[in-house]
């Protein structure tokens, strides 16, 4: 049996609801390799009572993860009811002013990433 390797980036349009806000978001799940890169990038090392301690800059981590996972959106508007373009700056504004919505988006991205990992494991087990 031949080995099948995914070479295309997986992303999917998903309807996301948080509170009274609903929008369609094109989500790209973050693979474990990218999560590990971000943990390494935003890890802070300190020493307490002679022991090495690691902390993560959670704010910076969430900014990068949001920028990575959110590829596009629809039904998100500015204060003048104009469609808000999906840019890094606007993603960060959404993160700052509607963190509940971004939490819902990132939960869906995590579920998609987990599904991908499980799918690959099942395929490998069936070889």
Protein backbone atom coordinates (compact mmCIF):
# COMPACT_ATOMS: atom_id res chain seq x y z
CA UNK A 1 0.00 0.00 0.00
CA UNK A 2 1.29 3.44 -0.93
CA UNK A 3 1.89 6.24 1.54
CA UNK A 4 -0.44 9.21 1.08
CA UNK A 5 0.94 12.55 2.18
CA UNK A 6 -1.19 15.65 2.46
CA UNK A 7 0.55 18.41 0.58
CA UNK A 8 -2.29 20.91 0.38
CA UNK A 9 -3.08 23.30 3.17
CA UNK A 10 -6.39 22.46 4.79
CA UNK A 11 -8.83 25.28 5.50
CA UNK A 12 -12.58 25.42 5.76
CA UNK A 13 -15.39 27.98 5.96
CA UNK A 14 -17.14 27.64 9.33
CA UNK A 15 -20.05 29.52 10.87
CA UNK A 16 -19.01 30.82 14.27
CA UNK A 17 -21.36 32.17 16.93
CA UNK A 18 -20.38 33.84 20.18
CA UNK A 19 -22.95 35.76 22.17
CA UNK A 20 -25.07 37.70 19.70
CA UNK A 21 -22.37 37.70 16.98
CA UNK A 22 -22.41 35.22 14.10
CA UNK A 23 -20.06 35.28 11.12
CA UNK A 24 -18.52 32.91 8.61
CA UNK A 25 -14.79 32.45 9.05
CA UNK A 26 -12.28 30.69 6.83
CA UNK A 27 -10.25 28.75 9.37
CA UNK A 28 -6.86 27.12 8.89
CA UNK A 29 -6.13 24.75 11.76
CA UNK A 30 -2.72 25.13 13.35
CA UNK A 31 -0.69 21.91 13.25
CA UNK A 32 1.27 20.82 16.31
CA UNK A 33 4.54 21.80 14.64
CA UNK A 34 3.36 25.42 14.39
CA UNK A 35 2.01 25.40 17.96
CA UNK A 36 5.42 24.19 19.16
CA UNK A 37 7.17 26.98 17.22
CA UNK A 38 4.95 29.57 18.89
CA UNK A 39 5.52 28.07 22.35
CA UNK A 40 9.25 28.25 21.75
CA UNK A 41 9.03 31.79 20.38
CA UNK A 42 6.96 33.16 23.28
CA UNK A 43 8.41 31.12 26.12
CA UNK A 44 10.04 33.13 28.90
CA UNK A 45 12.56 31.50 31.19
CA UNK A 46 13.15 32.63 34.73
CA UNK A 47 14.52 31.19 37.95
CA UNK A 48 12.62 30.95 41.21
CA UNK A 49 14.32 29.56 44.30
CA UNK A 50 17.04 28.08 42.12
CA UNK A 51 14.60 26.28 39.84
CA UNK A 52 14.10 27.01 36.18
CA UNK A 53 10.54 28.16 35.39
CA UNK A 54 8.95 28.69 31.97
CA UNK A 55 6.08 31.05 31.30
CA UNK A 56 4.30 31.69 28.02
CA UNK A 57 3.42 35.19 26.79
CA UNK A 58 -0.23 34.22 26.28
CA UNK A 59 -1.23 37.54 24.69
CA UNK A 60 1.47 37.33 22.00
CA UNK A 61 0.73 33.63 21.48
CA UNK A 62 -3.01 34.32 20.93
CA UNK A 63 -2.23 37.16 18.49
CA UNK A 64 -0.05 34.92 16.35
CA UNK A 65 -2.46 31.99 16.53
CA UNK A 66 -5.38 34.22 15.55
CA UNK A 67 -3.43 35.62 12.60
CA UNK A 68 -2.45 32.11 11.49
CA UNK A 69 -5.86 30.46 11.87
CA UNK A 70 -8.17 33.20 10.56
CA UNK A 71 -7.69 33.33 6.79
CA UNK A 72 -10.80 35.30 5.76
CA UNK A 73 -14.29 36.19 6.98
CA UNK A 74 -17.71 37.41 5.96
CA UNK A 75 -20.47 39.12 7.93
CA UNK A 76 -18.03 41.23 9.97
CA UNK A 77 -18.58 44.96 9.59
CA UNK A 78 -17.11 48.22 10.86
CA UNK A 79 -19.03 50.93 12.74
CA UNK A 80 -20.31 52.33 9.40
CA UNK A 81 -21.77 48.94 8.38
CA UNK A 82 -19.05 48.47 5.77
CA UNK A 83 -17.50 45.01 5.36
CA UNK A 84 -14.33 44.84 7.44
CA UNK A 85 -11.40 43.44 5.44
CA UNK A 86 -9.64 40.45 6.95
CA UNK A 87 -6.21 41.92 7.67
CA UNK A 88 -3.77 41.24 10.49
CA UNK A 89 -4.62 44.61 12.04
CA UNK A 90 -8.36 43.89 11.92
CA UNK A 91 -7.87 40.39 13.32
CA UNK A 92 -6.05 41.91 16.27
CA UNK A 93 -8.82 44.49 16.74
CA UNK A 94 -11.35 41.67 16.78
CA UNK A 95 -9.20 39.82 19.31
CA UNK A 96 -9.06 42.92 21.52
CA UNK A 97 -12.71 43.96 21.31
CA UNK A 98 -14.45 40.63 20.80
CA UNK A 99 -12.23 38.06 22.46
CA UNK A 100 -15.26 35.80 23.07
CA UNK A 101 -15.72 35.51 19.31
CA UNK A 102 -12.02 34.79 18.73
CA UNK A 103 -12.15 32.18 21.52
CA UNK A 104 -14.95 30.43 19.60
CA UNK A 105 -12.93 30.62 16.36
CA UNK A 106 -9.81 29.17 17.99
CA UNK A 107 -11.84 26.38 19.62
CA UNK A 108 -13.09 25.40 16.16
CA UNK A 109 -9.54 25.61 14.78
CA UNK A 110 -8.31 23.31 17.58
CA UNK A 111 -11.13 20.84 16.89
CA UNK A 112 -10.25 20.84 13.19
CA UNK A 113 -6.56 20.24 13.98
CA UNK A 114 -7.44 17.37 16.32
CA UNK A 115 -9.70 15.85 13.66
CA UNK A 116 -6.84 16.04 11.15
CA UNK A 117 -4.44 14.28 13.52
CA UNK A 118 -7.00 11.57 14.28
CA UNK A 119 -7.75 11.10 10.57
CA UNK A 120 -4.08 10.63 9.74
CA UNK A 121 -3.66 8.17 12.63
CA UNK A 122 -6.68 6.16 11.45
CA UNK A 123 -5.33 6.09 7.88
CA UNK A 124 -1.95 4.85 9.15
CA UNK A 125 -3.59 2.17 11.28
CA UNK A 126 -5.56 0.94 8.26
CA UNK A 127 -2.45 0.51 6.10
